[in-house]
C-alpha atoms as a PDB file:
ATOM      1  CA  TYR A   1      85.293 100.281  69.107  1.00  0.00           C
ATOM      2  CA  PRO A   2      84.522 104.306  69.540  1.00  0.00           C
ATOM      3  CA  GLU A   3      86.170 105.293  73.172  1.00  0.00           C
ATOM      4  CA  THR A   4      84.361 107.199  75.266  1.00  0.00           C
ATOM      5  CA  GLU A   5      85.662 109.850  77.798  1.00  0.00           C
ATOM      6  CA  ALA A   6      85.328 107.160  80.454  1.00  0.00           C
ATOM      7  CA  ILE A   7      87.440 104.578  78.093  1.00  0.00           C
ATOM      8  CA  GLN A   8      90.083 107.660  77.357  1.00  0.00           C
ATOM      9  CA  PHE A   9      90.129 108.299  81.301  1.00  0.00           C
ATOM     10  CA  LEU A  10      91.073 104.351  82.436  1.00  0.00           C
ATOM     11  CA  LYS A  11      93.698 104.030  79.295  1.00  0.00           C
ATOM     12  CA  ARG A  12      95.511 107.171  80.747  1.00  0.00           C
ATOM     13  CA  ASP A  13      96.054 105.477  83.959  1.00  0.00           C
ATOM     14  CA  LYS A  14      99.291 103.386  82.376  1.00  0.00           C
ATOM     15  CA  SER A  15      99.799 100.816  85.467  1.00  0.00           C
ATOM     16  CA  LEU A  16      98.376  97.642  85.236  1.00  0.00           C
ATOM     17  CA  PHE A  17      94.568  97.064  86.551  1.00  0.00           C
ATOM     18  CA  ARG A  18      91.542  95.515  86.391  1.00  0.00           C
ATOM     19  CA  ILE A  19      88.149  96.784  86.434  1.00  0.00           C
ATOM     20  CA  MET A  20      84.900  95.329  88.041  1.00  0.00           C
ATOM     21  CA  SER A  21      81.590  96.920  87.079  1.00  0.00           C
ATOM     22  CA  PHE A  22      77.980  96.295  88.362  1.00  0.00           C
ATOM     23  CA  GLY A  23      74.708  97.510  86.772  1.00  0.00           C
ATOM     24  CA  ASN A  24      74.158  96.937  83.128  1.00  0.00           C
ATOM     25  CA  PHE A  25      77.590  96.435  81.597  1.00  0.00           C
ATOM     26  CA  LEU A  26      78.429  94.035  79.504  1.00  0.00           C
ATOM     27  CA  HIS A  27      81.380  91.591  81.009  1.00  0.00           C
ATOM     28  CA  ASN A  28      84.561  92.056  78.602  1.00  0.00           C
ATOM     29  CA  SER A  29      83.288  94.727  76.852  1.00  0.00           C
ATOM     30  CA  PHE A  30      86.368  96.748  77.499  1.00  0.00           C
ATOM     31  CA  SER A  31      89.023  94.281  76.284  1.00  0.00           C
ATOM     32  CA  PRO A  32      89.077  95.679  72.625  1.00  0.00           C
ATOM     33  CA  PHE A  33      90.714  98.983  74.685  1.00  0.00           C
ATOM     34  CA  GLY A  34      93.082  96.449  76.664  1.00  0.00           C
ATOM     35  CA  ILE A  35      91.247  96.916  79.693  1.00  0.00           C
ATOM     36  CA  GLU A  36      90.907  93.716  81.863  1.00  0.00           C
ATOM     37  CA  ASP A  37      87.511  93.133  83.302  1.00  0.00           C
ATOM     38  CA  ILE A  38      87.650  90.932  86.364  1.00  0.00           C
ATOM     39  CA  GLY A  39      84.826  89.092  85.279  1.00  0.00           C
ATOM     40  CA  GLY A  40      87.392  87.231  82.562  1.00  0.00           C
ATOM     41  CA  TYR A  41      86.638  86.157  79.299  1.00  0.00           C
ATOM     42  CA  SER A  42      82.831  85.411  79.014  1.00  0.00           C
ATOM     43  CA  PRO A  43      82.641  82.070  76.961  1.00  0.00           C
ATOM     44  CA  PHE A  44      85.424  80.067  79.454  1.00  0.00           C
ATOM     45  CA  TYR A  45      87.339  80.806  82.697  1.00  0.00           C
ATOM     46  CA  PRO A  46      88.589  78.043  85.050  1.00  0.00           C
ATOM     47  CA  ARG A  47      86.480  76.424  87.620  1.00  0.00           C
ATOM     48  CA  ARG A  48      88.934  77.586  90.341  1.00  0.00           C
ATOM     49  CA  TYR A  49      88.410  81.250  89.401  1.00  0.00           C
ATOM     50  CA  GLY A  50      84.850  81.220  89.631  1.00  0.00           C
ATOM     51  CA  GLU A  51      84.801  79.694  93.016  1.00  0.00           C
ATOM     52  CA  PHE A  52      87.416  82.610  94.061  1.00  0.00           C
ATOM     53  CA  ILE A  53      85.237  84.890  92.651  1.00  0.00           C
ATOM     54  CA  HIS A  54      81.962  83.618  94.382  1.00  0.00           C
ATOM     55  CA  LEU A  55      84.045  83.618  97.853  1.00  0.00           C
ATOM     56  CA  SER A  56      84.333  87.121  97.057  1.00  0.00           C
ATOM     57  CA  GLN A  57      80.812  87.655  97.114  1.00  0.00           C
ATOM     58  CA  PHE A  58      79.065  85.321  99.515  1.00  0.00           C
ATOM     59  CA  ASP A  59      80.010  83.627 103.008  1.00  0.00           C
ATOM     60  CA  ILE A  60      81.954  80.674 103.168  1.00  0.00           C
ATOM     61  CA  LYS A  61      79.242  78.563 103.967  1.00  0.00           C
ATOM     62  CA  ALA A  62      77.310  79.178 101.049  1.00  0.00           C
ATOM     63  CA  PRO A  63      77.469  76.260  98.857  1.00  0.00           C
ATOM     64  CA  MET A  64      79.480  76.481  95.389  1.00  0.00           C
ATOM     65  CA  PRO A  65      77.148  75.950  92.510  1.00  0.00           C
ATOM     66  CA  ASP A  66      77.560  72.906  90.699  1.00  0.00           C
ATOM     67  CA  ASN A  67      78.302  74.664  87.209  1.00  0.00           C
ATOM     68  CA  PHE A  68      78.616  78.450  86.782  1.00  0.00           C
ATOM     69  CA  SER A  69      77.586  80.330  84.327  1.00  0.00           C
ATOM     70  CA  ARG A  70      79.154  81.931  81.558  1.00  0.00           C
ATOM     71  CA  TRP A  71      78.495  85.449  82.679  1.00  0.00           C
ATOM     72  CA  MET A  72      79.608  86.683  86.335  1.00  0.00           C
ATOM     73  CA  TYR A  73      77.468  88.720  88.128  1.00  0.00           C
ATOM     74  CA  PHE A  74      78.739  91.239  91.152  1.00  0.00           C
ATOM     75  CA  ARG A  75      76.660  91.877  94.106  1.00  0.00           C
ATOM     76  CA  ASN A  76      79.394  93.104  96.726  1.00  0.00           C
ATOM     77  CA  PHE A  77      82.529  95.165  96.423  1.00  0.00           C
ATOM     78  CA  GLY A  78      84.856  95.690  99.173  1.00  0.00           C
ATOM     79  CA  SER A  79      86.290  92.504  99.573  1.00  0.00           C
ATOM     80  CA  PRO A  80      90.227  91.188 100.605  1.00  0.00           C
ATOM     81  CA  LEU A  81      90.000  89.037  97.629  1.00  0.00           C
ATOM     82  CA  LEU A  82      88.917  91.429  94.953  1.00  0.00           C
ATOM     83  CA  ASN A  83      91.967  93.566  96.291  1.00  0.00           C
ATOM     84  CA  LEU A  84      94.239  90.992  95.835  1.00  0.00           C
ATOM     85  CA  ILE A  85      93.685  90.232  92.194  1.00  0.00           C
ATOM     86  CA  ASN A  86      94.146  93.950  91.049  1.00  0.00           C
ATOM     87  CA  THR A  87      90.933  95.329  91.245  1.00  0.00           C
ATOM     88  CA  LYS A  88      91.941  99.009  90.950  1.00  0.00           C
ATOM     89  CA  TYR A  89      88.139 100.688  89.327  1.00  0.00           C
ATOM     90  CA  LEU A  90      84.771 100.125  89.949  1.00  0.00           C
ATOM     91  CA  LEU A  91      82.317 101.024  87.645  1.00  0.00           C
ATOM     92  CA  LEU A  92      78.434 102.017  88.136  1.00  0.00           C
ATOM     93  CA  PRO A  93      75.762 103.527  86.258  1.00  0.00           C
ATOM     94  CA  PRO A  94      75.633 107.158  86.483  1.00  0.00           C
ATOM     95  CA  SER A  95      72.955 107.155  88.973  1.00  0.00           C
ATOM     96  CA  TRP A  96      74.164 104.554  91.683  1.00  0.00           C
ATOM     97  CA  THR A  97      76.557 105.453  94.517  1.00  0.00           C
ATOM     98  CA  ALA A  98      78.799 103.315  95.943  1.00  0.00           C
ATOM     99  CA  LYS A  99      79.185 103.319  99.505  1.00  0.00           C
ATOM    100  CA  VAL A 100      82.347 101.635 100.413  1.00  0.00           C
ATOM    101  CA  THR A 101      85.148 103.486 102.467  1.00  0.00           C
ATOM    102  CA  SER A 102      88.272 102.589 100.689  1.00  0.00           C
ATOM    103  CA  ILE A 103      87.396 104.034  97.314  1.00  0.00           C
ATOM    104  CA  ARG A 104      87.171 107.475  95.755  1.00  0.00           C
ATOM    105  CA  LEU A 105      85.148 108.766  93.051  1.00  0.00           C
ATOM    106  CA  VAL A 106      87.838 109.765  90.326  1.00  0.00           C
ATOM    107  CA  TYR A 107      85.310 110.114  87.234  1.00  0.00           C
ATOM    108  CA  ASP A 108      81.574 111.301  87.248  1.00  0.00           C
ATOM    109  CA  LYS A 109      79.845 111.600  83.878  1.00  0.00           C
ATOM    110  CA  GLU A 110      78.346 108.942  81.452  1.00  0.00           C
ATOM    111  CA  ILE A 111      78.930 106.522  83.950  1.00  0.00           C
ATOM    112  CA  LYS A 112      80.754 106.591  87.383  1.00  0.00           C
ATOM    113  CA  ILE A 113      84.368 105.169  87.957  1.00  0.00           C
ATOM    114  CA  TYR A 114      85.451 104.775  91.439  1.00  0.00           C
ATOM    115  CA  GLU A 115      89.128 104.257  91.999  1.00  0.00           C
ATOM    116  CA  ASN A 116      90.036 101.514  94.920  1.00  0.00           C
ATOM    117  CA  GLU A 117      92.837 102.731  97.035  1.00  0.00           C
ATOM    118  CA  ASP A 118      93.209  99.188  98.934  1.00  0.00           C
ATOM    119  CA  ALA A 119      93.640  97.466  95.265  1.00  0.00           C
ATOM    120  CA  PHE A 120      97.189  95.235  95.154  1.00  0.00           C
ATOM    121  CA  PRO A 121      99.391  95.699  92.336  1.00  0.00           C
ATOM    122  CA  ARG A 122      99.673  93.220  89.469  1.00  0.00           C
ATOM    123  CA  VAL A 123     102.636  91.649  90.934  1.00  0.00           C
ATOM    124  CA  PHE A 124     104.106  92.155  94.732  1.00  0.00           C
ATOM    125  CA  PHE A 125     106.379  90.373  97.139  1.00  0.00           C
ATOM    126  CA  VAL A 126     105.520  88.913 100.314  1.00  0.00           C
ATOM    127  CA  PRO A 127     108.046  87.365 102.958  1.00  0.00           C
ATOM    128  CA  SER A 128     106.539  83.944 104.405  1.00  0.00           C
ATOM    129  CA  TYR A 129     104.075  81.694 102.975  1.00  0.00           C
ATOM    130  CA  GLN A 130     101.467  79.148 104.354  1.00  0.00           C
ATOM    131  CA  PHE A 131     100.759  75.531 103.193  1.00  0.00           C
ATOM    132  CA  CYS A 132      97.490  74.565 102.963  1.00  0.00           C
ATOM    133  CA  LYS A 133      97.465  70.664 102.662  1.00  0.00           C
ATOM    134  CA  SER A 134      93.803  70.862 100.231  1.00  0.00           C
ATOM    135  CA  PRO A 135      92.025  73.199  97.813  1.00  0.00           C
ATOM    136  CA  LYS A 136      89.366  73.556 101.005  1.00  0.00           C
ATOM    137  CA  GLU A 137      91.704  74.624 103.072  1.00  0.00           C
ATOM    138  CA  THR A 138      92.893  77.195 100.833  1.00  0.00           C
ATOM    139  CA  LEU A 139      89.471  78.593 100.465  1.00  0.00           C
ATOM    140  CA  GLU A 140      89.106  78.665 104.314  1.00  0.00           C
ATOM    141  CA  LYS A 141      92.287  80.728 104.461  1.00  0.00           C
ATOM    142  CA  LEU A 142      91.380  83.095 102.020  1.00  0.00           C
ATOM    143  CA  ALA A 143      87.711  83.713 103.193  1.00  0.00           C
ATOM    144  CA  SER A 144      89.445  84.509 106.940  1.00  0.00           C
ATOM    145  CA  SER A 145      92.371  87.100 105.800  1.00  0.00           C
ATOM    146  CA  LYS A 146      92.245  90.212 105.155  1.00  0.00           C
ATOM    147  CA  ASN A 147      94.509  92.646 103.363  1.00  0.00           C
ATOM    148  CA  SER A 148      97.011  92.741 106.086  1.00  0.00           C
ATOM    149  CA  ASP A 149      97.636  89.083 105.596  1.00  0.00           C
ATOM    150  CA  PHE A 150      97.742  88.984 102.127  1.00  0.00           C
ATOM    151  CA  ARG A 151     100.552  91.710 102.056  1.00  0.00           C
ATOM    152  CA  ASN A 152     102.749  89.174 104.293  1.00  0.00           C
ATOM    153  CA  THR A 153     101.450  85.962 103.476  1.00  0.00           C
ATOM    154  CA  VAL A 154     100.708  83.356 100.189  1.00  0.00           C
ATOM    155  CA  PHE A 155      98.995  80.514 100.449  1.00  0.00           C
ATOM    156  CA  LEU A 156     100.222  77.505  98.819  1.00  0.00           C
ATOM    157  CA  GLU A 157      99.364  73.832  98.022  1.00  0.00           C
ATOM    158  CA  GLU A 158     102.841  72.891  97.682  1.00  0.00           C
ATOM    159  CA  HIS A 159     106.202  73.873  99.426  1.00  0.00           C
ATOM    160  CA  PRO A 160     108.969  75.929  98.040  1.00  0.00           C
ATOM    161  CA  PRO A 161     112.595  74.118  97.976  1.00  0.00           C
ATOM    162  CA  ASN A 162     113.520  72.984 101.693  1.00  0.00           C
ATOM    163  CA  ASP A 163     116.110  75.507 101.994  1.00  0.00           C
ATOM    164  CA  PHE A 164     114.264  78.383 100.642  1.00  0.00           C
ATOM    165  CA  LEU A 165     113.168  80.379 103.540  1.00  0.00           C
ATOM    166  CA  GLN A 166     115.386  82.427 105.725  1.00  0.00           C
ATOM    167  CA  LYS A 167     115.460  82.010 109.394  1.00  0.00           C
ATOM    168  CA  ARG A 168     114.540  85.600 110.988  1.00  0.00           C
ATOM    169  CA  ASP A 169     117.057  86.727 113.894  1.00  0.00           C
ATOM    170  CA  HIS A 170     115.028  88.269 116.374  1.00  0.00           C
ATOM    171  CA  ALA A 171     117.305  91.716 116.797  1.00  0.00           C
ATOM    172  CA  GLY A 172     114.947  93.587 114.873  1.00  0.00           C
ATOM    173  CA  SER A 173     116.355  93.415 111.478  1.00  0.00           C
ATOM    174  CA  ASP A 174     113.398  91.456 110.095  1.00  0.00           C
ATOM    175  CA  LYS A 175     111.851  94.072 108.156  1.00  0.00           C
ATOM    176  CA  VAL A 176     111.149  93.671 104.663  1.00  0.00           C
ATOM    177  CA  GLU A 177     112.201  95.910 102.011  1.00  0.00           C
ATOM    178  CA  SER A 178     111.710  95.036  98.389  1.00  0.00           C
ATOM    179  CA  ASN A 179     111.375  97.082  95.163  1.00  0.00           C
ATOM    180  CA  ILE A 180     109.840  95.303  92.258  1.00  0.00           C
ATOM    181  CA  LYS A 181     110.075  97.282  88.500  1.00  0.00           C
ATOM    182  CA  VAL A 182     107.716  95.044  85.681  1.00  0.00           C
ATOM    183  CA  VAL A 183     110.216  95.574  82.754  1.00  0.00           C
ATOM    184  CA  SER A 184     107.456  94.139  80.233  1.00  0.00           C
ATOM    185  CA  TYR A 185     104.280  92.905  80.006  1.00  0.00           C
ATOM    186  CA  LYS A 186     102.372  90.682  77.323  1.00  0.00           C
ATOM    187  CA  SER A 187      98.943  88.287  77.361  1.00  0.00           C
ATOM    188  CA  ASP A 188     101.790  85.539  77.582  1.00  0.00           C
ATOM    189  CA  SER A 189     105.070  87.042  78.918  1.00  0.00           C
ATOM    190  CA  MET A 190     106.418  89.153  81.173  1.00  0.00           C
ATOM    191  CA  GLU A 191     109.876  90.488  82.694  1.00  0.00           C
ATOM    192  CA  VAL A 192     110.208  91.727  86.002  1.00  0.00           C
ATOM    193  CA  GLU A 193     113.266  93.057  87.864  1.00  0.00           C
ATOM    194  CA  VAL A 194     113.053  92.446  92.047  1.00  0.00           C
ATOM    195  CA  SER A 195     115.474  93.425  94.947  1.00  0.00           C
ATOM    196  CA  SER A 196     114.766  92.399  98.667  1.00  0.00           C
ATOM    197  CA  ASN A 197     116.403  91.634 101.781  1.00  0.00           C
ATOM    198  CA  GLN A 198     115.253  88.353 102.291  1.00  0.00           C
ATOM    199  CA  ASN A 199     114.041  85.298 100.562  1.00  0.00           C
ATOM    200  CA  GLY A 200     110.553  85.845  99.608  1.00  0.00           C
ATOM    201  CA  PHE A 201     107.419  84.961  97.121  1.00  0.00           C
ATOM    202  CA  LEU A 202     107.073  87.165  93.889  1.00  0.00           C
ATOM    203  CA  VAL A 203     103.358  87.085  93.424  1.00  0.00           C
ATOM    204  CA  ILE A 204     101.339  87.665  90.442  1.00  0.00           C
ATOM    205  CA  SER A 205      97.797  88.117  90.357  1.00  0.00           C
ATOM    206  CA  ASN A 206      97.420  86.170  86.930  1.00  0.00           C
ATOM    207  CA  ALA A 207      95.215  83.023  86.611  1.00  0.00           C
ATOM    208  CA  PHE A 208      97.555  79.931  87.417  1.00  0.00           C
ATOM    209  CA  ASP A 209      97.874  77.043  84.607  1.00  0.00           C
ATOM    210  CA  PRO A 210     100.416  74.309  84.395  1.00  0.00           C
ATOM    211  CA  GLY A 211     101.695  75.963  81.043  1.00  0.00           C
ATOM    212  CA  TRP A 212     103.530  79.018  82.875  1.00  0.00           C
ATOM    213  CA  LYS A 213     106.875  78.449  82.714  1.00  0.00           C
ATOM    214  CA  ALA A 214     109.594  80.975  84.765  1.00  0.00           C
ATOM    215  CA  ARG A 215     113.171  81.587  84.764  1.00  0.00           C
ATOM    216  CA  ILE A 216     115.020  83.681  87.541  1.00  0.00           C
ATOM    217  CA  ASP A 217     118.361  84.739  86.546  1.00  0.00           C
ATOM    218  CA  GLY A 218     118.086  82.521  83.541  1.00  0.00           C
ATOM    219  CA  VAL A 219     118.142  79.330  85.821  1.00  0.00           C
ATOM    220  CA  GLU A 220     114.452  77.653  85.285  1.00  0.00           C
ATOM    221  CA  THR A 221     112.215  78.013  88.295  1.00  0.00           C
ATOM    222  CA  LYS A 222     108.431  76.196  88.878  1.00  0.00           C
ATOM    223  CA  VAL A 223     105.691  78.693  89.269  1.00  0.00           C
ATOM    224  CA  LEU A 224     103.806  77.634  92.187  1.00  0.00           C
ATOM    225  CA  ARG A 225      99.824  77.983  92.171  1.00  0.00           C
ATOM    226  CA  ALA A 226      99.442  80.962  94.965  1.00  0.00           C
ATOM    227  CA  ASN A 227      96.089  82.011  96.880  1.00  0.00           C
ATOM    228  CA  TYR A 228      93.672  78.901  94.876  1.00  0.00           C
ATOM    229  CA  ILE A 229      94.222  80.755  91.349  1.00  0.00           C
ATOM    230  CA  MET A 230      97.379  82.853  91.127  1.00  0.00           C
ATOM    231  CA  GLN A 231     101.083  82.649  90.356  1.00  0.00           C
ATOM    232  CA  ALA A 232     103.952  82.487  92.730  1.00  0.00           C
ATOM    233  CA  LEU A 233     107.949  81.886  92.581  1.00  0.00           C
ATOM    234  CA  PRO A 234     110.423  81.742  95.352  1.00  0.00           C
ATOM    235  CA  VAL A 235     112.977  84.425  95.088  1.00  0.00           C
ATOM    236  CA  ARG A 236     116.227  84.462  97.251  1.00  0.00           C
ATOM    237  CA  ALA A 237     117.515  87.696  98.729  1.00  0.00           C
ATOM    238  CA  GLY A 238     119.172  90.249  96.273  1.00  0.00           C
ATOM    239  CA  ASP A 239     118.485  91.366  92.989  1.00  0.00           C
ATOM    240  CA  HIS A 240     116.786  89.218  89.876  1.00  0.00           C
ATOM    241  CA  THR A 241     115.867  89.389  86.729  1.00  0.00           C
ATOM    242  CA  VAL A 242     112.352  87.370  86.508  1.00  0.00           C
ATOM    243  CA  GLN A 243     111.208  86.009  83.198  1.00  0.00           C
ATOM    244  CA  ILE A 244     107.455  84.516  82.968  1.00  0.00           C
ATOM    245  CA  PHE A 245     106.009  82.747  79.578  1.00  0.00           C
ATOM    246  CA  PHE A 246     103.222  80.368  78.917  1.00  0.00           C
ATOM    247  CA  ARG A 247     104.022  77.700  77.134  1.00  0.00           C
ATOM    248  CA  PRO A 248     101.166  75.047  77.085  1.00  0.00           C
ATOM    249  CA  THR A 249     102.043  71.421  76.390  1.00  0.00           C
ATOM    250  CA  LEU A 250      99.111  71.395  74.196  1.00  0.00           C
ATOM    251  CA  SER A 251     100.980  73.888  71.660  1.00  0.00           C
ATOM    252  CA  ILE A 252     104.061  72.022  72.238  1.00  0.00           C
ATOM    253  CA  VAL A 253     103.086  68.583  71.265  1.00  0.00           C
ATOM    254  CA  SER A 254     100.658  70.270  67.883  1.00  0.00           C
ATOM    255  CA  ILE A 255     104.523  72.100  66.622  1.00  0.00           C
ATOM    256  CA  ILE A 256     105.837  68.100  67.151  1.00  0.00           C
END
């Protein structure tokens, strides 16, 4: 596949990001160049992911489809849910103009590319969580949340360890300070160095699956389902090395 100038422009950004396109673009057509599209892989994506994207495009009152098409068509941009899943660039045909205050035009040639200044990084830290008793409740919480909510809270469908969250004192020392460095990143594994001044959650905007495993400083840690489709790890205050890797049960059985 020949690289266009637009593809070369995107590849110069060495951070982890996803793109979103409006108009006559083939979904996942940038994957040969290592550029991730939020539409996912066309032949298959989990139902939860389809529901999450549907919520980003429609009101919570809009009924979920019984089935999702193998293609995703996007109508709206600017949803906090799109920011949450690391959607950094919006691609439009050259004749179109985006009218969203949080984006800026950064490329204008054979296509238009806008940068989303509200996009969350692929991996980030939050100090607290809210427990949701059901997937429906999680969706309702997501629908009513803003960017500021997601920067402080992750929505979980199971509790972390009982002794995990620290009680904050009220002397003004509850300001969260954290630093994250992605050491290595592959489609089936990742290593992250994280430091923080209090307990919290490392949130990763990759799709949750029971096959994902994790170790924190060499100790096995359960990967929690976060924000309906994402991953989260409870991380205690201090400096830690986090390793995340995909080990699906089916692959292990087939090897045996």
